[in-house]
Protein backbone atom coordinates (compact mmCIF):
# COMPACT_ATOMS: atom_id res chain seq x y z
CA MET A 1 42.80 15.31 33.20
CA ASN A 2 39.38 16.88 34.45
CA ALA A 3 38.79 16.86 38.21
CA ILE A 4 35.49 14.87 39.05
CA THR A 5 32.81 16.79 40.23
CA SER A 6 30.07 16.17 43.05
CA SER A 7 27.66 15.71 40.08
CA ASP A 8 29.85 12.89 38.42
CA TRP A 9 29.92 11.30 41.67
CA TRP A 10 26.20 11.00 42.22
CA LEU A 11 25.77 10.26 38.30
CA TYR A 12 27.46 6.57 39.41
CA GLY A 13 26.73 6.78 43.23
CA GLN A 14 23.02 6.68 42.91
CA TYR A 15 23.15 3.34 41.07
CA PRO A 16 23.71 1.49 44.00
CA VAL A 17 21.30 3.31 46.27
CA PHE A 18 18.60 2.46 43.66
CA PHE A 19 19.84 -1.33 43.93
CA VAL A 20 19.41 -1.49 47.37
CA LEU A 21 16.15 0.36 47.22
CA GLY A 22 14.71 -2.08 44.66
CA ALA A 23 15.95 -5.02 46.92
CA ALA A 24 14.32 -3.71 49.98
CA VAL A 25 11.13 -2.97 48.20
CA SER A 26 10.92 -6.35 46.71
CA LEU A 27 11.77 -8.34 49.97
CA ILE A 28 8.90 -6.25 51.89
CA ASN A 29 6.30 -6.76 49.11
CA SER A 30 7.25 -10.62 48.65
CA ILE A 31 6.08 -11.22 52.31
CA ALA A 32 3.53 -8.44 52.62
CA GLY A 33 3.08 -5.40 50.93
CA GLY A 34 3.40 -1.34 51.30
CA GLY A 35 7.04 -1.52 49.74
CA SER A 36 6.61 1.54 47.29
CA THR A 37 5.60 3.77 50.43
CA LEU A 38 9.28 3.40 50.82
CA SER A 39 10.54 3.61 47.38
CA LEU A 40 8.46 6.38 46.09
CA PRO A 41 9.10 9.24 48.57
CA VAL A 42 13.22 8.22 48.19
CA MET A 43 12.79 8.60 44.36
CA ILE A 44 10.89 11.99 44.35
CA PHE A 45 13.40 13.00 47.14
CA LEU A 46 16.10 12.16 44.85
CA GLY A 47 14.75 14.54 42.24
CA MET A 48 12.64 12.21 40.20
CA PRO A 49 9.25 13.71 39.11
CA PRO A 50 6.39 11.55 40.83
CA THR A 51 4.88 10.50 37.70
CA VAL A 52 8.27 9.14 36.50
CA ALA A 53 8.79 7.74 39.93
CA ASN A 54 5.95 5.83 39.72
CA GLY A 55 6.24 4.20 36.33
CA THR A 56 9.94 3.62 37.12
CA ASN A 57 9.34 2.09 40.33
CA ARG A 58 6.46 -0.48 38.62
CA ILE A 59 9.24 -1.88 36.71
CA GLY A 60 10.96 -2.99 39.73
CA LEU A 61 8.12 -4.30 41.40
CA ILE A 62 6.93 -6.72 38.18
CA ILE A 63 10.63 -8.22 38.55
CA GLY A 64 10.61 -8.72 42.10
CA ASN A 65 7.25 -10.49 41.90
CA LEU A 66 8.32 -12.72 39.25
CA SER A 67 11.56 -13.65 41.42
CA SER A 68 9.42 -14.31 44.20
CA VAL A 69 6.74 -16.31 42.35
CA TYR A 70 9.43 -18.32 40.33
CA ASN A 71 11.29 -19.34 43.81
CA LEU A 72 8.04 -20.34 45.55
CA ALA A 73 6.63 -22.27 42.62
CA ARG A 74 9.40 -24.46 42.13
CA HIS A 75 9.07 -25.20 45.49
CA GLY A 76 5.21 -26.00 45.06
CA TYR A 77 3.70 -23.19 46.67
CA LEU A 78 1.83 -21.62 43.52
CA ASN A 79 -1.83 -22.88 43.23
CA ILE A 80 -1.85 -22.80 39.20
CA ARG A 81 -5.67 -23.46 39.26
CA LEU A 82 -6.65 -20.72 41.43
CA PHE A 83 -4.45 -18.59 39.29
CA ARG A 84 -6.09 -19.45 36.22
CA GLN A 85 -9.70 -19.22 37.82
CA LEU A 86 -8.84 -15.51 38.92
CA LEU A 87 -6.56 -14.36 35.95
CA ILE A 88 -9.79 -13.14 33.93
CA PRO A 89 -11.33 -10.97 36.82
CA SER A 90 -7.49 -9.35 37.23
CA LEU A 91 -7.37 -8.83 33.74
CA VAL A 92 -10.82 -7.11 33.48
CA GLY A 93 -9.90 -5.22 36.40
CA ALA A 94 -6.56 -3.89 34.74
CA ILE A 95 -8.36 -2.77 31.75
CA ILE A 96 -10.86 -0.91 33.46
CA GLY A 97 -8.39 0.63 35.91
CA VAL A 98 -6.01 2.03 32.94
CA CYS A 99 -9.32 3.40 31.28
CA PHE A 100 -10.79 5.49 33.97
CA LEU A 101 -8.95 8.24 36.36
CA MET A 102 -9.47 8.35 40.30
CA GLN A 103 -12.49 11.21 41.05
CA ILE A 104 -11.38 10.93 44.57
CA GLY A 105 -9.28 13.53 46.04
CA ASP A 106 -5.68 12.67 47.05
CA LYS A 107 -6.27 13.34 50.78
CA THR A 108 -9.68 11.73 51.02
CA PHE A 109 -8.23 8.69 49.26
CA GLN A 110 -5.10 8.62 51.83
CA ALA A 111 -7.33 8.80 54.72
CA ILE A 112 -9.90 5.96 53.35
CA LEU A 113 -6.63 3.79 52.68
CA ALA A 114 -5.30 4.35 55.95
CA GLY A 115 -8.50 3.25 57.48
CA VAL A 116 -9.16 0.27 55.10
CA ILE A 117 -5.66 -1.13 55.90
CA CYS A 118 -5.99 -1.06 59.62
CA LEU A 119 -9.19 -2.33 59.31
CA VAL A 120 -7.93 -5.39 57.19
CA VAL A 121 -4.97 -5.97 59.78
CA ILE A 122 -7.34 -6.06 62.79
CA MET A 123 -10.06 -8.28 60.95
CA SER A 124 -7.36 -10.62 59.94
CA ARG A 125 -5.85 -11.11 63.18
CA LEU A 126 -9.52 -11.66 65.04
CA ARG A 127 -10.03 -14.99 66.12
CA LYS A 128 -13.84 -14.70 65.32
CA ASP A 129 -14.87 -14.88 61.59
CA ILE A 130 -16.94 -11.68 61.37
CA LEU A 131 -17.65 -12.19 57.84
CA GLY A 132 -17.84 -16.17 58.17
CA LYS A 133 -14.91 -18.72 57.70
CA PRO A 134 -12.74 -18.90 55.11
CA PRO A 135 -13.48 -22.17 53.14
CA LYS A 136 -11.67 -25.46 54.30
CA THR A 137 -10.75 -25.99 50.56
CA PRO A 138 -10.60 -23.47 47.87
CA PRO A 139 -13.55 -23.07 45.48
CA GLU A 140 -13.48 -25.50 42.57
CA ASN A 141 -15.09 -22.63 40.06
CA LEU A 142 -14.81 -19.10 39.87
CA THR A 143 -17.69 -17.70 42.18
CA TRP A 144 -19.72 -14.35 41.52
CA LYS A 145 -18.56 -12.76 44.69
CA GLY A 146 -14.68 -13.51 43.90
CA ALA A 147 -14.99 -12.34 40.19
CA ILE A 148 -16.46 -9.10 41.49
CA GLY A 149 -13.82 -8.82 44.66
CA PHE A 150 -10.93 -9.70 42.46
CA THR A 151 -12.00 -7.21 39.59
CA LEU A 152 -12.09 -4.52 41.91
CA VAL A 153 -8.89 -5.13 43.61
CA SER A 154 -7.34 -5.29 40.41
CA VAL A 155 -8.89 -2.08 39.13
CA TYR A 156 -7.23 -0.29 42.37
CA GLY A 157 -3.99 -2.17 42.15
CA CYS A 158 -3.77 -0.72 38.47
CA ILE A 159 -4.36 2.97 39.13
CA VAL A 160 -3.09 3.35 42.59
CA GLN A 161 -0.81 0.06 43.43
CA VAL A 162 0.09 1.47 47.33
CA GLY A 163 -1.15 -0.78 49.70
CA VAL A 164 -2.96 -3.44 47.26
CA GLY A 165 -0.76 -6.26 48.59
CA PHE A 166 -2.73 -6.14 52.14
CA VAL A 167 -6.28 -5.73 50.35
CA GLN A 168 -5.26 -8.71 48.34
CA ILE A 169 -3.96 -10.72 50.99
CA PHE A 170 -6.85 -10.37 52.80
CA SER A 171 -9.28 -11.17 50.14
CA LEU A 172 -7.46 -14.18 49.03
CA THR A 173 -7.39 -15.41 52.36
CA ARG A 174 -11.02 -15.28 53.00
CA TYR A 175 -11.82 -16.55 49.31
CA THR A 176 -9.17 -19.70 49.38
CA GLY A 177 -8.63 -20.44 52.86
CA LEU A 178 -4.97 -21.25 51.96
CA ASP A 179 -2.18 -20.42 54.34
CA PRO A 180 0.01 -17.28 54.21
CA ILE A 181 2.82 -18.84 51.82
CA HIS A 182 0.20 -20.04 49.32
CA VAL A 183 -1.59 -16.95 49.48
CA ASN A 184 1.60 -14.85 48.87
CA ALA A 185 2.48 -17.08 45.82
CA LEU A 186 -0.62 -16.18 44.51
CA LYS A 187 -0.79 -12.82 45.56
CA ASN A 188 2.33 -11.72 43.88
CA CYS A 189 1.35 -13.88 40.80
CA LEU A 190 -1.73 -11.71 40.23
CA THR A 191 -0.36 -8.48 41.29
CA THR A 192 2.29 -8.82 38.37
CA VAL A 193 -0.97 -9.14 35.83
CA PHE A 194 -2.05 -5.71 36.72
CA LEU A 195 1.20 -4.04 37.10
CA VAL A 196 2.23 -5.17 33.66
CA ILE A 197 -0.65 -3.55 31.93
CA SER A 198 -0.46 -0.55 34.15
CA THR A 199 3.21 -0.31 33.34
CA ILE A 200 2.98 -0.60 29.81
CA MET A 201 0.60 2.64 29.50
CA LEU A 202 3.05 4.60 31.77
CA ALA A 203 6.07 3.39 29.70
CA ALA A 204 4.23 4.23 26.53
CA THR A 205 3.92 7.80 27.69
CA GLY A 206 7.35 8.38 28.83
CA LYS A 207 6.78 7.86 32.48
CA VAL A 208 9.56 5.40 32.87
CA ASP A 209 13.57 6.44 33.42
CA TRP A 210 14.78 2.99 32.01
CA PRO A 211 18.40 3.24 33.38
CA ILE A 212 17.28 3.73 37.07
CA ALA A 213 14.25 1.16 36.32
CA LEU A 214 17.04 -1.74 35.08
CA ILE A 215 19.50 -1.17 38.08
CA MET A 216 16.06 -1.23 40.48
CA SER A 217 15.19 -4.60 39.09
CA ALA A 218 18.40 -6.22 39.37
CA GLY A 219 18.19 -5.29 42.89
CA ALA A 220 14.17 -6.12 43.01
CA TRP A 221 15.26 -9.78 41.68
CA CYS A 222 17.88 -10.50 44.64
CA GLY A 223 15.11 -9.01 47.23
CA GLY A 224 12.15 -10.91 45.74
CA TYR A 225 14.13 -14.04 45.82
CA ILE A 226 15.58 -13.47 49.40
CA GLY A 227 11.99 -12.59 50.37
CA SER A 228 10.15 -15.80 49.18
CA SER A 229 13.29 -17.71 50.72
CA LEU A 230 12.56 -16.39 54.32
CA GLN A 231 8.77 -17.41 53.83
CA ARG A 232 9.98 -21.05 53.17
CA LYS A 233 12.29 -21.07 56.31
CA LYS A 234 10.36 -18.89 58.88
CA GLY A 235 6.83 -20.49 58.35
CA ASN A 236 3.63 -18.69 58.31
CA LYS A 237 3.53 -17.38 61.66
CA PHE A 238 6.61 -15.07 60.97
CA ILE A 239 4.61 -13.98 57.84
CA GLU A 240 1.37 -13.36 59.60
CA ASN A 241 3.44 -11.14 62.23
CA PHE A 242 5.50 -9.26 59.15
CA ILE A 243 2.37 -8.43 57.19
CA SER A 244 0.65 -7.01 60.48
CA VAL A 245 3.83 -5.12 61.12
CA CYS A 246 4.30 -3.61 57.59
CA SER A 247 0.39 -2.81 57.20
CA LEU A 248 0.37 -0.84 60.66
CA LEU A 249 3.63 0.95 59.58
CA LEU A 250 2.13 1.95 56.36
CA ALA A 251 -1.40 3.03 57.87
CA ALA A 252 0.76 5.12 60.52
CA TYR A 253 2.82 6.50 57.35
CA LEU A 254 -0.23 7.61 55.72
CA ILE A 255 -2.13 9.18 58.79
CA VAL A 256 1.14 11.19 59.43
CA ASP A 257 1.83 12.45 56.26
CA LEU A 258 -2.04 13.38 55.71
CA ILE A 259 -1.54 15.53 59.20
CA ILE A 260 1.70 17.08 58.07
CA HIS A 261 0.48 18.20 54.89
């Protein structure tokens, strides 16, 4: 009988690691966003090429979003009318996103992203509404500002994805006036739209490690379900605080990484 080598141990031992990673990322994304800043560095550190890590990671994100949406929708938190209203801008943005490459340099983009996230957190926590008050009830029909805004969010999310949850939460809150748990249900549903389109492109070019993707997806389903259940039990204040903490940690990570590298 052949002895089991260290590489054999890792061949099988990596699967629980990726399962837990998928669960943790989807739990974070279900409530707030920024989970990919945890998963992508870990996947790259474990030896996965960055482009493959990006594609593989998105499979788990899709499954985690679907799990969260399913759990929230069956308890009545998903506004189907608003989802249908914003579906076309999200699809258009996703198609534009897969047709164009980012022209801005990685470092410049990272600095801008950190600044945008900090600004979003500050503005979302201010008692005074600098941009005007959110509507008391969601708009009956899609506005031109909403169409442009959510198309741009989808373009960014399709190309880069990291941090889009925070921008989308802020945009949906301003546009709909809904409370955090209803916004999260809508956010996770819309995010799935451009994730599916971008992931199809990445998968078609061989940028998905399917065995790892499936393991992470199993964990992601659990994480998304747990995250959505926490929201229902803990309430809107918990969601608001969770979003603020996660977004500031993401901004801090981006700034530190920018300085070090």
